[in-house]
mmCIF file of all heavy atoms, coordinates in Angstrom:
data_MODEL
# 
_entry.id   MODEL 
# 
loop_
_atom_site.group_PDB 
_atom_site.id 
_atom_site.type_symbol 
_atom_site.label_atom_id 
_atom_site.label_alt_id 
_atom_site.label_comp_id 
_atom_site.label_asym_id 
_atom_site.label_entity_id 
_atom_site.label_seq_id 
_atom_site.pdbx_PDB_ins_code 
_atom_site.Cartn_x 
_atom_site.Cartn_y 
_atom_site.Cartn_z 
_atom_site.occupancy 
_atom_site.B_iso_or_equiv 
_atom_site.pdbx_formal_charge 
_atom_site.auth_seq_id 
_atom_site.auth_comp_id 
_atom_site.auth_asym_id 
_atom_site.auth_atom_id 
_atom_site.pdbx_PDB_model_num 
ATOM 1   N N   . GLN A 1 1  ? -25.989 -79.173 -5.317  1.00 0.00 ? 1  GLN A N   1 
ATOM 2   C CA  . GLN A 1 1  ? -27.142 -79.468 -6.140  1.00 0.00 ? 1  GLN A CA  1 
ATOM 3   C C   . GLN A 1 1  ? -27.483 -78.270 -7.001  1.00 0.00 ? 1  GLN A C   1 
ATOM 4   O O   . GLN A 1 1  ? -27.676 -77.171 -6.491  1.00 0.00 ? 1  GLN A O   1 
ATOM 5   C CB  . GLN A 1 1  ? -28.350 -79.929 -5.338  1.00 0.00 ? 1  GLN A CB  1 
ATOM 6   C CG  . GLN A 1 1  ? -28.111 -81.238 -4.583  1.00 0.00 ? 1  GLN A CG  1 
ATOM 7   C CD  . GLN A 1 1  ? -29.361 -81.730 -3.902  1.00 0.00 ? 1  GLN A CD  1 
ATOM 8   O OE1 . GLN A 1 1  ? -30.240 -80.973 -3.518  1.00 0.00 ? 1  GLN A OE1 1 
ATOM 9   N NE2 . GLN A 1 1  ? -29.469 -83.032 -3.775  1.00 0.00 ? 1  GLN A NE2 1 
ATOM 10  N N   . LEU A 1 2  ? -27.499 -78.528 -8.316  1.00 0.00 ? 2  LEU A N   1 
ATOM 11  C CA  . LEU A 1 2  ? -27.849 -77.468 -9.277  1.00 0.00 ? 2  LEU A CA  1 
ATOM 12  C C   . LEU A 1 2  ? -28.978 -77.986 -10.081 1.00 0.00 ? 2  LEU A C   1 
ATOM 13  O O   . LEU A 1 2  ? -28.897 -78.949 -10.841 1.00 0.00 ? 2  LEU A O   1 
ATOM 14  C CB  . LEU A 1 2  ? -26.624 -77.168 -10.168 1.00 0.00 ? 2  LEU A CB  1 
ATOM 15  C CG  . LEU A 1 2  ? -26.811 -76.080 -11.229 1.00 0.00 ? 2  LEU A CG  1 
ATOM 16  C CD1 . LEU A 1 2  ? -26.972 -74.712 -10.592 1.00 0.00 ? 2  LEU A CD1 1 
ATOM 17  C CD2 . LEU A 1 2  ? -25.600 -76.127 -12.202 1.00 0.00 ? 2  LEU A CD2 1 
ATOM 18  N N   . SER A 1 3  ? -30.124 -77.358 -9.927  1.00 0.00 ? 3  SER A N   1 
ATOM 19  C CA  . SER A 1 3  ? -31.403 -77.803 -10.550 1.00 0.00 ? 3  SER A CA  1 
ATOM 20  C C   . SER A 1 3  ? -31.585 -77.143 -11.893 1.00 0.00 ? 3  SER A C   1 
ATOM 21  O O   . SER A 1 3  ? -30.935 -76.190 -12.284 1.00 0.00 ? 3  SER A O   1 
ATOM 22  C CB  . SER A 1 3  ? -32.590 -77.504 -9.654  1.00 0.00 ? 3  SER A CB  1 
ATOM 23  O OG  . SER A 1 3  ? -32.765 -76.114 -9.500  1.00 0.00 ? 3  SER A OG  1 
ATOM 24  N N   . SER A 1 4  ? -32.520 -77.745 -12.662 1.00 0.00 ? 4  SER A N   1 
ATOM 25  C CA  . SER A 1 4  ? -32.940 -77.212 -13.980 1.00 0.00 ? 4  SER A CA  1 
ATOM 26  C C   . SER A 1 4  ? -31.757 -76.900 -14.873 1.00 0.00 ? 4  SER A C   1 
ATOM 27  O O   . SER A 1 4  ? -31.611 -75.820 -15.481 1.00 0.00 ? 4  SER A O   1 
ATOM 28  C CB  . SER A 1 4  ? -33.739 -75.929 -13.804 1.00 0.00 ? 4  SER A CB  1 
ATOM 29  O OG  . SER A 1 4  ? -34.885 -76.180 -12.975 1.00 0.00 ? 4  SER A OG  1 
ATOM 30  N N   . VAL A 1 5  ? -30.862 -77.888 -15.020 1.00 0.00 ? 5  VAL A N   1 
ATOM 31  C CA  . VAL A 1 5  ? -29.635 -77.646 -15.768 1.00 0.00 ? 5  VAL A CA  1 
ATOM 32  C C   . VAL A 1 5  ? -29.903 -77.552 -17.287 1.00 0.00 ? 5  VAL A C   1 
ATOM 33  O O   . VAL A 1 5  ? -30.890 -78.112 -17.819 1.00 0.00 ? 5  VAL A O   1 
ATOM 34  C CB  . VAL A 1 5  ? -28.591 -78.741 -15.524 1.00 0.00 ? 5  VAL A CB  1 
ATOM 35  C CG1 . VAL A 1 5  ? -28.200 -78.736 -14.037 1.00 0.00 ? 5  VAL A CG1 1 
ATOM 36  C CG2 . VAL A 1 5  ? -29.043 -80.096 -15.950 1.00 0.00 ? 5  VAL A CG2 1 
ATOM 37  N N   . THR A 1 6  ? -29.031 -76.846 -17.960 1.00 0.00 ? 6  THR A N   1 
ATOM 38  C CA  . THR A 1 6  ? -29.044 -76.684 -19.409 1.00 0.00 ? 6  THR A CA  1 
ATOM 39  C C   . THR A 1 6  ? -27.603 -77.014 -19.915 1.00 0.00 ? 6  THR A C   1 
ATOM 40  O O   . THR A 1 6  ? -26.687 -77.171 -19.145 1.00 0.00 ? 6  THR A O   1 
ATOM 41  C CB  . THR A 1 6  ? -29.429 -75.226 -19.848 1.00 0.00 ? 6  THR A CB  1 
ATOM 42  O OG1 . THR A 1 6  ? -28.324 -74.375 -19.570 1.00 0.00 ? 6  THR A OG1 1 
ATOM 43  C CG2 . THR A 1 6  ? -30.660 -74.793 -19.108 1.00 0.00 ? 6  THR A CG2 1 
ATOM 44  N N   . PRO A 1 7  ? -27.460 -77.145 -21.222 1.00 0.00 ? 7  PRO A N   1 
ATOM 45  C CA  . PRO A 1 7  ? -26.141 -77.389 -21.782 1.00 0.00 ? 7  PRO A CA  1 
ATOM 46  C C   . PRO A 1 7  ? -25.061 -76.337 -21.361 1.00 0.00 ? 7  PRO A C   1 
ATOM 47  O O   . PRO A 1 7  ? -23.862 -76.650 -21.301 1.00 0.00 ? 7  PRO A O   1 
ATOM 48  C CB  . PRO A 1 7  ? -26.347 -77.414 -23.287 1.00 0.00 ? 7  PRO A CB  1 
ATOM 49  C CG  . PRO A 1 7  ? -27.740 -77.927 -23.451 1.00 0.00 ? 7  PRO A CG  1 
ATOM 50  C CD  . PRO A 1 7  ? -28.500 -77.327 -22.303 1.00 0.00 ? 7  PRO A CD  1 
ATOM 51  N N   . GLU A 1 8  ? -25.505 -75.134 -21.013 1.00 0.00 ? 8  GLU A N   1 
ATOM 52  C CA  . GLU A 1 8  ? -24.619 -74.139 -20.570 1.00 0.00 ? 8  GLU A CA  1 
ATOM 53  C C   . GLU A 1 8  ? -23.977 -74.420 -19.193 1.00 0.00 ? 8  GLU A C   1 
ATOM 54  O O   . GLU A 1 8  ? -23.036 -73.762 -18.810 1.00 0.00 ? 8  GLU A O   1 
ATOM 55  C CB  . GLU A 1 8  ? -25.287 -72.712 -20.565 1.00 0.00 ? 8  GLU A CB  1 
ATOM 56  C CG  . GLU A 1 8  ? -25.625 -72.243 -21.964 1.00 0.00 ? 8  GLU A CG  1 
ATOM 57  C CD  . GLU A 1 8  ? -26.220 -70.827 -21.968 1.00 0.00 ? 8  GLU A CD  1 
ATOM 58  O OE1 . GLU A 1 8  ? -26.511 -70.299 -20.865 1.00 0.00 ? 8  GLU A OE1 1 
ATOM 59  O OE2 . GLU A 1 8  ? -26.306 -70.252 -23.054 1.00 0.00 ? 8  GLU A OE2 1 
ATOM 60  N N   . ASP A 1 9  ? -24.547 -75.369 -18.491 1.00 0.00 ? 9  ASP A N   1 
ATOM 61  C CA  . ASP A 1 9  ? -23.980 -75.785 -17.253 1.00 0.00 ? 9  ASP A CA  1 
ATOM 62  C C   . ASP A 1 9  ? -22.852 -76.852 -17.384 1.00 0.00 ? 9  ASP A C   1 
ATOM 63  O O   . ASP A 1 9  ? -22.277 -77.242 -16.372 1.00 0.00 ? 9  ASP A O   1 
ATOM 64  C CB  . ASP A 1 9  ? -25.077 -76.356 -16.308 1.00 0.00 ? 9  ASP A CB  1 
ATOM 65  C CG  . ASP A 1 9  ? -26.088 -75.292 -15.888 1.00 0.00 ? 9  ASP A CG  1 
ATOM 66  O OD1 . ASP A 1 9  ? -25.619 -74.196 -15.408 1.00 0.00 ? 9  ASP A OD1 1 
ATOM 67  O OD2 . ASP A 1 9  ? -27.245 -75.540 -16.026 1.00 0.00 ? 9  ASP A OD2 1 
ATOM 68  N N   . THR A 1 10 ? -22.620 -77.233 -18.615 1.00 0.00 ? 10 THR A N   1 
ATOM 69  C CA  . THR A 1 10 ? -21.490 -78.156 -18.838 1.00 0.00 ? 10 THR A CA  1 
ATOM 70  C C   . THR A 1 10 ? -20.194 -77.489 -18.431 1.00 0.00 ? 10 THR A C   1 
ATOM 71  O O   . THR A 1 10 ? -19.874 -76.352 -18.879 1.00 0.00 ? 10 THR A O   1 
ATOM 72  C CB  . THR A 1 10 ? -21.423 -78.528 -20.356 1.00 0.00 ? 10 THR A CB  1 
ATOM 73  O OG1 . THR A 1 10 ? -22.586 -79.268 -20.686 1.00 0.00 ? 10 THR A OG1 1 
ATOM 74  C CG2 . THR A 1 10 ? -20.169 -79.340 -20.642 1.00 0.00 ? 10 THR A CG2 1 
ATOM 75  N N   . ALA A 1 11 ? -19.396 -78.121 -17.634 1.00 0.00 ? 11 ALA A N   1 
ATOM 76  C CA  . ALA A 1 11 ? -18.212 -77.535 -17.068 1.00 0.00 ? 11 ALA A CA  1 
ATOM 77  C C   . ALA A 1 11 ? -17.384 -78.598 -16.333 1.00 0.00 ? 11 ALA A C   1 
ATOM 78  O O   . ALA A 1 11 ? -17.886 -79.681 -16.048 1.00 0.00 ? 11 ALA A O   1 
ATOM 79  C CB  . ALA A 1 11 ? -18.523 -76.382 -16.148 1.00 0.00 ? 11 ALA A CB  1 
ATOM 80  N N   . VAL A 1 12 ? -16.160 -78.209 -15.989 1.00 0.00 ? 12 VAL A N   1 
ATOM 81  C CA  . VAL A 1 12 ? -15.429 -78.962 -14.936 1.00 0.00 ? 12 VAL A CA  1 
ATOM 82  C C   . VAL A 1 12 ? -15.766 -78.340 -13.614 1.00 0.00 ? 12 VAL A C   1 
ATOM 83  O O   . VAL A 1 12 ? -15.652 -77.100 -13.441 1.00 0.00 ? 12 VAL A O   1 
ATOM 84  C CB  . VAL A 1 12 ? -13.913 -78.916 -15.212 1.00 0.00 ? 12 VAL A CB  1 
ATOM 85  C CG1 . VAL A 1 12 ? -13.170 -79.626 -14.092 1.00 0.00 ? 12 VAL A CG1 1 
ATOM 86  C CG2 . VAL A 1 12 ? -13.598 -79.537 -16.551 1.00 0.00 ? 12 VAL A CG2 1 
ATOM 87  N N   . TYR A 1 13 ? -16.167 -79.134 -12.639 1.00 0.00 ? 13 TYR A N   1 
ATOM 88  C CA  . TYR A 1 13 ? -16.580 -78.688 -11.382 1.00 0.00 ? 13 TYR A CA  1 
ATOM 89  C C   . TYR A 1 13 ? -15.509 -79.030 -10.317 1.00 0.00 ? 13 TYR A C   1 
ATOM 90  O O   . TYR A 1 13 ? -15.061 -80.186 -10.269 1.00 0.00 ? 13 TYR A O   1 
ATOM 91  C CB  . TYR A 1 13 ? -17.944 -79.315 -10.993 1.00 0.00 ? 13 TYR A CB  1 
ATOM 92  C CG  . TYR A 1 13 ? -19.106 -78.677 -11.713 1.00 0.00 ? 13 TYR A CG  1 
ATOM 93  C CD1 . TYR A 1 13 ? -19.353 -79.010 -12.997 1.00 0.00 ? 13 TYR A CD1 1 
ATOM 94  C CD2 . TYR A 1 13 ? -19.981 -77.769 -11.105 1.00 0.00 ? 13 TYR A CD2 1 
ATOM 95  C CE1 . TYR A 1 13 ? -20.417 -78.465 -13.730 1.00 0.00 ? 13 TYR A CE1 1 
ATOM 96  C CE2 . TYR A 1 13 ? -21.035 -77.220 -11.754 1.00 0.00 ? 13 TYR A CE2 1 
ATOM 97  C CZ  . TYR A 1 13 ? -21.256 -77.582 -13.098 1.00 0.00 ? 13 TYR A CZ  1 
ATOM 98  O OH  . TYR A 1 13 ? -22.323 -77.022 -13.779 1.00 0.00 ? 13 TYR A OH  1 
ATOM 99  N N   . TYR A 1 14 ? -15.177 -78.043 -9.523  1.00 0.00 ? 14 TYR A N   1 
ATOM 100 C CA  . TYR A 1 14 ? -14.138 -78.211 -8.480  1.00 0.00 ? 14 TYR A CA  1 
ATOM 101 C C   . TYR A 1 14 ? -14.711 -77.907 -7.107  1.00 0.00 ? 14 TYR A C   1 
ATOM 102 O O   . TYR A 1 14 ? -15.593 -77.012 -6.918  1.00 0.00 ? 14 TYR A O   1 
ATOM 103 C CB  . TYR A 1 14 ? -12.966 -77.247 -8.668  1.00 0.00 ? 14 TYR A CB  1 
ATOM 104 C CG  . TYR A 1 14 ? -12.213 -77.345 -9.986  1.00 0.00 ? 14 TYR A CG  1 
ATOM 105 C CD1 . TYR A 1 14 ? -12.592 -76.637 -11.104 1.00 0.00 ? 14 TYR A CD1 1 
ATOM 106 C CD2 . TYR A 1 14 ? -11.140 -78.224 -10.024 1.00 0.00 ? 14 TYR A CD2 1 
ATOM 107 C CE1 . TYR A 1 14 ? -11.880 -76.743 -12.268 1.00 0.00 ? 14 TYR A CE1 1 
ATOM 108 C CE2 . TYR A 1 14 ? -10.392 -78.317 -11.246 1.00 0.00 ? 14 TYR A CE2 1 
ATOM 109 C CZ  . TYR A 1 14 ? -10.797 -77.557 -12.346 1.00 0.00 ? 14 TYR A CZ  1 
ATOM 110 O OH  . TYR A 1 14 ? -10.112 -77.700 -13.498 1.00 0.00 ? 14 TYR A OH  1 
ATOM 111 N N   . CYS A 1 15 ? -14.252 -78.669 -6.103  1.00 0.00 ? 15 CYS A N   1 
ATOM 112 C CA  . CYS A 1 15 ? -14.420 -78.213 -4.705  1.00 0.00 ? 15 CYS A CA  1 
ATOM 113 C C   . CYS A 1 15 ? -13.079 -77.720 -4.193  1.00 0.00 ? 15 CYS A C   1 
ATOM 114 O O   . CYS A 1 15 ? -12.020 -78.212 -4.621  1.00 0.00 ? 15 CYS A O   1 
ATOM 115 C CB  . CYS A 1 15 ? -15.042 -79.288 -3.831  1.00 0.00 ? 15 CYS A CB  1 
ATOM 116 S SG  . CYS A 1 15 ? -14.178 -80.860 -3.752  1.00 0.00 ? 15 CYS A SG  1 
ATOM 117 N N   . ALA A 1 16 ? -13.133 -76.755 -3.252  1.00 0.00 ? 16 ALA A N   1 
ATOM 118 C CA  . ALA A 1 16 ? -11.895 -76.129 -2.800  1.00 0.00 ? 16 ALA A CA  1 
ATOM 119 C C   . ALA A 1 16 ? -12.111 -75.625 -1.341  1.00 0.00 ? 16 ALA A C   1 
ATOM 120 O O   . ALA A 1 16 ? -13.279 -75.436 -0.955  1.00 0.00 ? 16 ALA A O   1 
ATOM 121 C CB  . ALA A 1 16 ? -11.438 -75.012 -3.703  1.00 0.00 ? 16 ALA A CB  1 
ATOM 122 N N   . LYS A 1 17 ? -11.058 -75.390 -0.682  1.00 0.00 ? 17 LYS A N   1 
ATOM 123 C CA  . LYS A 1 17 ? -11.120 -74.956 0.701   1.00 0.00 ? 17 LYS A CA  1 
ATOM 124 C C   . LYS A 1 17 ? -10.431 -73.588 0.902   1.00 0.00 ? 17 LYS A C   1 
ATOM 125 O O   . LYS A 1 17 ? -9.275  -73.391 0.389   1.00 0.00 ? 17 LYS A O   1 
ATOM 126 C CB  . LYS A 1 17 ? -10.460 -75.979 1.627   1.00 0.00 ? 17 LYS A CB  1 
ATOM 127 C CG  . LYS A 1 17 ? -10.256 -75.511 3.077   1.00 0.00 ? 17 LYS A CG  1 
ATOM 128 C CD  . LYS A 1 17 ? -9.575  -76.579 3.930   1.00 0.00 ? 17 LYS A CD  1 
ATOM 129 C CE  . LYS A 1 17 ? -9.296  -76.108 5.338   1.00 0.00 ? 17 LYS A CE  1 
ATOM 130 N NZ  . LYS A 1 17 ? -8.131  -75.136 5.345   1.00 0.00 ? 17 LYS A NZ  1 
ATOM 131 N N   . ARG A 1 18 ? -11.110 -72.713 1.616   1.00 0.00 ? 18 ARG A N   1 
ATOM 132 C CA  . ARG A 1 18 ? -10.470 -71.467 2.127   1.00 0.00 ? 18 ARG A CA  1 
ATOM 133 C C   . ARG A 1 18 ? -10.325 -71.597 3.619   1.00 0.00 ? 18 ARG A C   1 
ATOM 134 O O   . ARG A 1 18 ? -11.190 -72.179 4.300   1.00 0.00 ? 18 ARG A O   1 
ATOM 135 C CB  . ARG A 1 18 ? -11.280 -70.261 1.774   1.00 0.00 ? 18 ARG A CB  1 
ATOM 136 C CG  . ARG A 1 18 ? -11.022 -69.649 0.426   1.00 0.00 ? 18 ARG A CG  1 
ATOM 137 C CD  . ARG A 1 18 ? -11.907 -68.435 0.198   1.00 0.00 ? 18 ARG A CD  1 
ATOM 138 N NE  . ARG A 1 18 ? -11.499 -67.697 -1.022  1.00 0.00 ? 18 ARG A NE  1 
ATOM 139 C CZ  . ARG A 1 18 ? -12.194 -66.772 -1.603  1.00 0.00 ? 18 ARG A CZ  1 
ATOM 140 N NH1 . ARG A 1 18 ? -13.413 -66.435 -1.065  1.00 0.00 ? 18 ARG A NH1 1 
ATOM 141 N NH2 . ARG A 1 18 ? -11.788 -66.107 -2.660  1.00 0.00 ? 18 ARG A NH2 1 
ATOM 142 N N   . SER A 1 19 ? -9.328  -70.961 4.178   1.00 0.00 ? 19 SER A N   1 
ATOM 143 C CA  . SER A 1 19 ? -9.162  -70.843 5.610   1.00 0.00 ? 19 SER A CA  1 
ATOM 144 C C   . SER A 1 19 ? -8.751  -69.420 5.943   1.00 0.00 ? 19 SER A C   1 
ATOM 145 O O   . SER A 1 19 ? -8.521  -68.583 5.093   1.00 0.00 ? 19 SER A O   1 
ATOM 146 C CB  . SER A 1 19 ? -8.111  -71.821 6.106   1.00 0.00 ? 19 SER A CB  1 
ATOM 147 O OG  . SER A 1 19 ? -6.822  -71.484 5.586   1.00 0.00 ? 19 SER A OG  1 
ATOM 148 N N   . GLU A 1 20 ? -8.711  -69.124 7.239   1.00 0.00 ? 20 GLU A N   1 
ATOM 149 C CA  . GLU A 1 20 ? -8.339  -67.773 7.665   1.00 0.00 ? 20 GLU A CA  1 
ATOM 150 C C   . GLU A 1 20 ? -6.950  -67.435 7.193   1.00 0.00 ? 20 GLU A C   1 
ATOM 151 O O   . GLU A 1 20 ? -6.685  -66.287 6.750   1.00 0.00 ? 20 GLU A O   1 
ATOM 152 C CB  . GLU A 1 20 ? -8.362  -67.738 9.216   1.00 0.00 ? 20 GLU A CB  1 
ATOM 153 C CG  . GLU A 1 20 ? -8.050  -66.317 9.736   1.00 0.00 ? 20 GLU A CG  1 
ATOM 154 C CD  . GLU A 1 20 ? -8.195  -66.242 11.283  1.00 0.00 ? 20 GLU A CD  1 
ATOM 155 O OE1 . GLU A 1 20 ? -8.234  -67.322 11.876  1.00 0.00 ? 20 GLU A OE1 1 
ATOM 156 O OE2 . GLU A 1 20 ? -8.322  -65.143 11.777  1.00 0.00 ? 20 GLU A OE2 1 
ATOM 157 N N   . SER A 1 21 ? -5.974  -68.393 7.184   1.00 0.00 ? 21 SER A N   1 
ATOM 158 C CA  . SER A 1 21 ? -4.604  -68.097 6.763   1.00 0.00 ? 21 SER A CA  1 
ATOM 159 C C   . SER A 1 21 ? -4.493  -67.994 5.271   1.00 0.00 ? 21 SER A C   1 
ATOM 160 O O   . SER A 1 21 ? -3.579  -67.297 4.796   1.00 0.00 ? 21 SER A O   1 
ATOM 161 C CB  . SER A 1 21 ? -3.705  -69.159 7.312   1.00 0.00 ? 21 SER A CB  1 
ATOM 162 O OG  . SER A 1 21 ? -4.020  -70.470 6.841   1.00 0.00 ? 21 SER A OG  1 
ATOM 163 N N   . SER A 1 22 ? -5.395  -68.665 4.508   1.00 0.00 ? 22 SER A N   1 
ATOM 164 C CA  . SER A 1 22 ? -5.232  -68.662 3.072   1.00 0.00 ? 22 SER A CA  1 
ATOM 165 C C   . SER A 1 22 ? -6.015  -67.512 2.413   1.00 0.00 ? 22 SER A C   1 
ATOM 166 O O   . SER A 1 22 ? -5.708  -67.161 1.271   1.00 0.00 ? 22 SER A O   1 
ATOM 167 C CB  . SER A 1 22 ? -5.745  -69.969 2.443   1.00 0.00 ? 22 SER A CB  1 
ATOM 168 O OG  . SER A 1 22 ? -7.165  -70.072 2.517   1.00 0.00 ? 22 SER A OG  1 
ATOM 169 N N   . TRP A 1 23 ? -6.963  -66.945 3.101   1.00 0.00 ? 23 TRP A N   1 
ATOM 170 C CA  . TRP A 1 23 ? -7.833  -65.909 2.534   1.00 0.00 ? 23 TRP A CA  1 
ATOM 171 C C   . TRP A 1 23 ? -7.032  -64.802 1.904   1.00 0.00 ? 23 TRP A C   1 
ATOM 172 O O   . TRP A 1 23 ? -6.050  -64.288 2.464   1.00 0.00 ? 23 TRP A O   1 
ATOM 173 C CB  . TRP A 1 23 ? -8.724  -65.349 3.625   1.00 0.00 ? 23 TRP A CB  1 
ATOM 174 C CG  . TRP A 1 23 ? -9.888  -64.643 3.108   1.00 0.00 ? 23 TRP A CG  1 
ATOM 175 C CD1 . TRP A 1 23 ? -10.001 -63.366 2.713   1.00 0.00 ? 23 TRP A CD1 1 
ATOM 176 C CD2 . TRP A 1 23 ? -11.220 -65.228 2.937   1.00 0.00 ? 23 TRP A CD2 1 
ATOM 177 N NE1 . TRP A 1 23 ? -11.260 -63.101 2.259   1.00 0.00 ? 23 TRP A NE1 1 
ATOM 178 C CE2 . TRP A 1 23 ? -12.034 -64.178 2.410   1.00 0.00 ? 23 TRP A CE2 1 
ATOM 179 C CE3 . TRP A 1 23 ? -11.755 -66.474 3.160   1.00 0.00 ? 23 TRP A CE3 1 
ATOM 180 C CZ2 . TRP A 1 23 ? -13.367 -64.399 2.124   1.00 0.00 ? 23 TRP A CZ2 1 
ATOM 181 C CZ3 . TRP A 1 23 ? -13.033 -66.705 2.846   1.00 0.00 ? 23 TRP A CZ3 1 
ATOM 182 C CH2 . TRP A 1 23 ? -13.854 -65.682 2.343   1.00 0.00 ? 23 TRP A CH2 1 
ATOM 183 N N   . PRO A 1 24 ? -7.427  -64.373 0.678   1.00 0.00 ? 24 PRO A N   1 
ATOM 184 C CA  . PRO A 1 24 ? -8.544  -64.756 -0.117  1.00 0.00 ? 24 PRO A CA  1 
ATOM 185 C C   . PRO A 1 24 ? -8.349  -65.915 -1.073  1.00 0.00 ? 24 PRO A C   1 
ATOM 186 O O   . PRO A 1 24 ? -9.200  -66.232 -1.900  1.00 0.00 ? 24 PRO A O   1 
ATOM 187 C CB  . PRO A 1 24 ? -8.847  -63.488 -0.911  1.00 0.00 ? 24 PRO A CB  1 
ATOM 188 C CG  . PRO A 1 24 ? -7.483  -62.924 -1.207  1.00 0.00 ? 24 PRO A CG  1 
ATOM 189 C CD  . PRO A 1 24 ? -6.659  -63.207 0.023   1.00 0.00 ? 24 PRO A CD  1 
# 
């Protein structure tokens, strides 16, 4: 949740996973 958005918040949004083996 991102509140008080402005046009500068326009973007492609991704979710991603890190794990102990993948770090960083």
